[in-house]
Structure formats: C-alpha cells, structure tokens
Amino acid sequence: MPRRRRTLLRRLAGLALAGLALASAACEGRAATPEECEAILDRIVELELREQGYRDPALLARKQAEFRRLFADDLGRCVGRRLPPGARECVARASSAEAISHECLR
C-alpha cells in the first residue's frame, strides 16, 4: 500500500475514533441511534477524503463501508450514548472533520 494511502487511512481512523469517543462522552441530549453513529463516521470519512482531494463517489462509498467494518465495535459502543442537542444537524453542515469533533460532538 502506498505511503500516502496509509497516512490517509491512519488519519481517518484517528479522527473517526476521536469523533465516536466524543459522541460517547456527551452527557446531555438524546440517545444515538445506529444510523446516527454511522452517519457521523460516514461524514468524517467524506470530509477527510474531500480534504485530501478525492471526489470519486465510488471511492467514498467504498471507504465509508470499509470504515464501518473497521470500527464496528466503536459504532456499537456509540449506539445509545447521549448526543448533544443539534449534533446531527451540526454534523451534516460541518465543513471539516475537526469541526465535527470540536464543535458538533461536545
């Protein structure tokens, strides 16, 4: 695997875990559904790929599915955790993966 791709995957993995951990740490709001947890991860992957210059919808779908499999345990722990009020809307309009972890899930 080329070095650039490994670096991208590591960065995505780190951000995905951080986002899910923050979602899990939220103490107010309502319980996250499986769909919401997947949507958070999918959005992080989408934004990271876009930041890296990738725009291919097929690549996006493949990477989202790959990261859902890689982080299945984390997604399972996310379900039922409290999400801050407005988190879903914030994730949808976030302009970067960092914004998701620093603004939407705190």
C-alpha atoms as a PDB file:
ATOM      1  CA  MET A   1       0.000   0.000   0.000  1.00  0.00           C
ATOM      2  CA  PRO A   2       1.453   3.404  -0.935  1.00  0.00           C
ATOM      3  CA  ARG A   3       2.645   5.560   1.944  1.00  0.00           C
ATOM      4  CA  ARG A   4       0.184   8.369   1.163  1.00  0.00           C
ATOM      5  CA  ARG A   5      -2.748   5.973   1.338  1.00  0.00           C
ATOM      6  CA  ARG A   6      -1.566   4.504   4.660  1.00  0.00           C
ATOM      7  CA  THR A   7      -1.224   8.010   6.066  1.00  0.00           C
ATOM      8  CA  LEU A   8      -4.706   8.930   4.894  1.00  0.00           C
ATOM      9  CA  LEU A   9      -6.185   5.795   6.416  1.00  0.00           C
ATOM     10  CA  ARG A  10      -4.420   6.394   9.729  1.00  0.00           C
ATOM     11  CA  ARG A  11      -5.635   9.980   9.824  1.00  0.00           C
ATOM     12  CA  LEU A  12      -9.178   8.919   9.013  1.00  0.00           C
ATOM     13  CA  ALA A  13      -9.063   6.206  11.645  1.00  0.00           C
ATOM     14  CA  GLY A  14      -7.829   8.599  14.303  1.00  0.00           C
ATOM     15  CA  LEU A  15     -10.486  11.174  13.533  1.00  0.00           C
ATOM     16  CA  ALA A  16     -13.206   8.570  13.366  1.00  0.00           C
ATOM     17  CA  LEU A  17     -12.263   7.189  16.761  1.00  0.00           C
ATOM     18  CA  ALA A  18     -11.999  10.652  18.264  1.00  0.00           C
ATOM     19  CA  GLY A  19     -15.411  11.619  16.911  1.00  0.00           C
ATOM     20  CA  LEU A  20     -17.052   8.481  18.189  1.00  0.00           C
ATOM     21  CA  ALA A  21     -15.369   8.803  21.565  1.00  0.00           C
ATOM     22  CA  LEU A  22     -16.636  12.359  21.899  1.00  0.00           C
ATOM     23  CA  ALA A  23     -20.107  11.268  20.902  1.00  0.00           C
ATOM     24  CA  SER A  24     -19.912   8.602  23.580  1.00  0.00           C
ATOM     25  CA  ALA A  25     -18.783  11.121  26.192  1.00  0.00           C
ATOM     26  CA  ALA A  26     -21.672  13.525  25.674  1.00  0.00           C
ATOM     27  CA  CYS A  27     -23.821  13.644  28.792  1.00  0.00           C
ATOM     28  CA  GLU A  28     -26.909  15.507  27.590  1.00  0.00           C
ATOM     29  CA  GLY A  29     -29.201  15.193  24.636  1.00  0.00           C
ATOM     30  CA  ARG A  30     -30.827  12.022  23.403  1.00  0.00           C
ATOM     31  CA  ALA A  31     -29.548   8.536  22.763  1.00  0.00           C
ATOM     32  CA  ALA A  32     -27.761   7.974  19.445  1.00  0.00           C
ATOM     33  CA  THR A  33     -29.269   5.511  17.012  1.00  0.00           C
ATOM     34  CA  PRO A  34     -27.178   3.108  14.922  1.00  0.00           C
ATOM     35  CA  GLU A  35     -27.972   5.250  11.883  1.00  0.00           C
ATOM     36  CA  GLU A  36     -26.727   8.405  13.597  1.00  0.00           C
ATOM     37  CA  CYS A  37     -23.488   6.753  14.658  1.00  0.00           C
ATOM     38  CA  GLU A  38     -22.889   5.534  11.110  1.00  0.00           C
ATOM     39  CA  ALA A  39     -23.770   8.976   9.742  1.00  0.00           C
ATOM     40  CA  ILE A  40     -21.134  10.597  11.977  1.00  0.00           C
ATOM     41  CA  LEU A  41     -18.474   8.167  10.803  1.00  0.00           C
ATOM     42  CA  ASP A  42     -19.567   8.437   7.163  1.00  0.00           C
ATOM     43  CA  ARG A  43     -19.445  12.233   7.292  1.00  0.00           C
ATOM     44  CA  ILE A  44     -15.961  12.216   8.831  1.00  0.00           C
ATOM     45  CA  VAL A  45     -14.755   9.897   6.065  1.00  0.00           C
ATOM     46  CA  GLU A  46     -16.417  12.086   3.414  1.00  0.00           C
ATOM     47  CA  LEU A  47     -14.854  15.290   4.710  1.00  0.00           C
ATOM     48  CA  GLU A  48     -11.412  13.753   5.109  1.00  0.00           C
ATOM     49  CA  LEU A  49     -11.428  12.352   1.584  1.00  0.00           C
ATOM     50  CA  ARG A  50     -12.549  15.708   0.231  1.00  0.00           C
ATOM     51  CA  GLU A  51      -9.765  17.478   2.162  1.00  0.00           C
ATOM     52  CA  GLN A  52      -7.288  15.071   0.586  1.00  0.00           C
ATOM     53  CA  GLY A  53      -8.585  15.945  -2.884  1.00  0.00           C
ATOM     54  CA  TYR A  54     -10.629  12.808  -3.545  1.00  0.00           C
ATOM     55  CA  ARG A  55     -14.011  13.422  -5.189  1.00  0.00           C
ATOM     56  CA  ASP A  56     -14.926   9.996  -6.595  1.00  0.00           C
ATOM     57  CA  PRO A  57     -18.366   8.868  -5.265  1.00  0.00           C
ATOM     58  CA  ALA A  58     -17.424   5.201  -5.715  1.00  0.00           C
ATOM     59  CA  LEU A  59     -14.281   5.673  -3.595  1.00  0.00           C
ATOM     60  CA  LEU A  60     -16.325   7.486  -0.949  1.00  0.00           C
ATOM     61  CA  ALA A  61     -18.865   4.668  -0.723  1.00  0.00           C
ATOM     62  CA  ARG A  62     -16.101   2.049  -0.569  1.00  0.00           C
ATOM     63  CA  LYS A  63     -14.205   3.908   2.185  1.00  0.00           C
ATOM     64  CA  GLN A  64     -17.355   4.516   4.216  1.00  0.00           C
ATOM     65  CA  ALA A  65     -18.194   0.807   4.104  1.00  0.00           C
ATOM     66  CA  GLU A  66     -14.597  -0.098   4.923  1.00  0.00           C
ATOM     67  CA  PHE A  67     -14.517   2.183   7.962  1.00  0.00           C
ATOM     68  CA  ARG A  68     -17.890   0.943   9.179  1.00  0.00           C
ATOM     69  CA  ARG A  69     -16.403  -2.565   9.169  1.00  0.00           C
ATOM     70  CA  LEU A  70     -13.106  -1.465  10.760  1.00  0.00           C
ATOM     71  CA  PHE A  71     -14.861   0.441  13.527  1.00  0.00           C
ATOM     72  CA  ALA A  72     -17.835  -1.845  14.062  1.00  0.00           C
ATOM     73  CA  ASP A  73     -17.020  -2.195  17.767  1.00  0.00           C
ATOM     74  CA  ASP A  74     -16.772   1.574  18.193  1.00  0.00           C
ATOM     75  CA  LEU A  75     -20.041   2.056  16.322  1.00  0.00           C
ATOM     76  CA  GLY A  76     -21.659  -0.464  18.657  1.00  0.00           C
ATOM     77  CA  ARG A  77     -20.420   1.478  21.679  1.00  0.00           C
ATOM     78  CA  CYS A  78     -21.702   4.732  20.179  1.00  0.00           C
ATOM     79  CA  VAL A  79     -25.291   3.445  19.925  1.00  0.00           C
ATOM     80  CA  GLY A  80     -27.334   4.564  22.900  1.00  0.00           C
ATOM     81  CA  ARG A  81     -24.834   7.187  24.042  1.00  0.00           C
ATOM     82  CA  ARG A  82     -26.056  10.718  24.524  1.00  0.00           C
ATOM     83  CA  LEU A  83     -25.522  13.141  21.650  1.00  0.00           C
ATOM     84  CA  PRO A  84     -25.539  16.885  22.289  1.00  0.00           C
ATOM     85  CA  PRO A  85     -28.652  18.730  21.138  1.00  0.00           C
ATOM     86  CA  GLY A  86     -28.346  19.631  17.452  1.00  0.00           C
ATOM     87  CA  ALA A  87     -25.465  17.214  16.839  1.00  0.00           C
ATOM     88  CA  ARG A  88     -27.000  15.597  13.774  1.00  0.00           C
ATOM     89  CA  GLU A  89     -27.606  18.941  12.054  1.00  0.00           C
ATOM     90  CA  CYS A  90     -24.149  20.174  13.006  1.00  0.00           C
ATOM     91  CA  VAL A  91     -22.508  17.038  11.555  1.00  0.00           C
ATOM     92  CA  ALA A  92     -24.442  17.479   8.310  1.00  0.00           C
ATOM     93  CA  ARG A  93     -23.276  21.062   7.837  1.00  0.00           C
ATOM     94  CA  ALA A  94     -19.724  20.691   9.177  1.00  0.00           C
ATOM     95  CA  SER A  95     -17.030  21.838   6.786  1.00  0.00           C
ATOM     96  CA  SER A  96     -14.263  19.682   8.261  1.00  0.00           C
ATOM     97  CA  ALA A  97     -13.785  16.514  10.254  1.00  0.00           C
ATOM     98  CA  GLU A  98     -12.200  18.587  13.009  1.00  0.00           C
ATOM     99  CA  ALA A  99     -15.363  20.685  13.250  1.00  0.00           C
ATOM    100  CA  ILE A 100     -17.350  17.532  13.921  1.00  0.00           C
ATOM    101  CA  SER A 101     -15.176  16.503  16.839  1.00  0.00           C
ATOM    102  CA  HIS A 102     -14.594  20.024  18.216  1.00  0.00           C
ATOM    103  CA  GLU A 103     -17.993  21.627  17.681  1.00  0.00           C
ATOM    104  CA  CYS A 104     -20.711  19.074  16.965  1.00  0.00           C
ATOM    105  CA  LEU A 105     -19.995  16.364  19.499  1.00  0.00           C
ATOM    106  CA  ARG A 106     -19.073  18.408  22.555  1.00  0.00           C
END
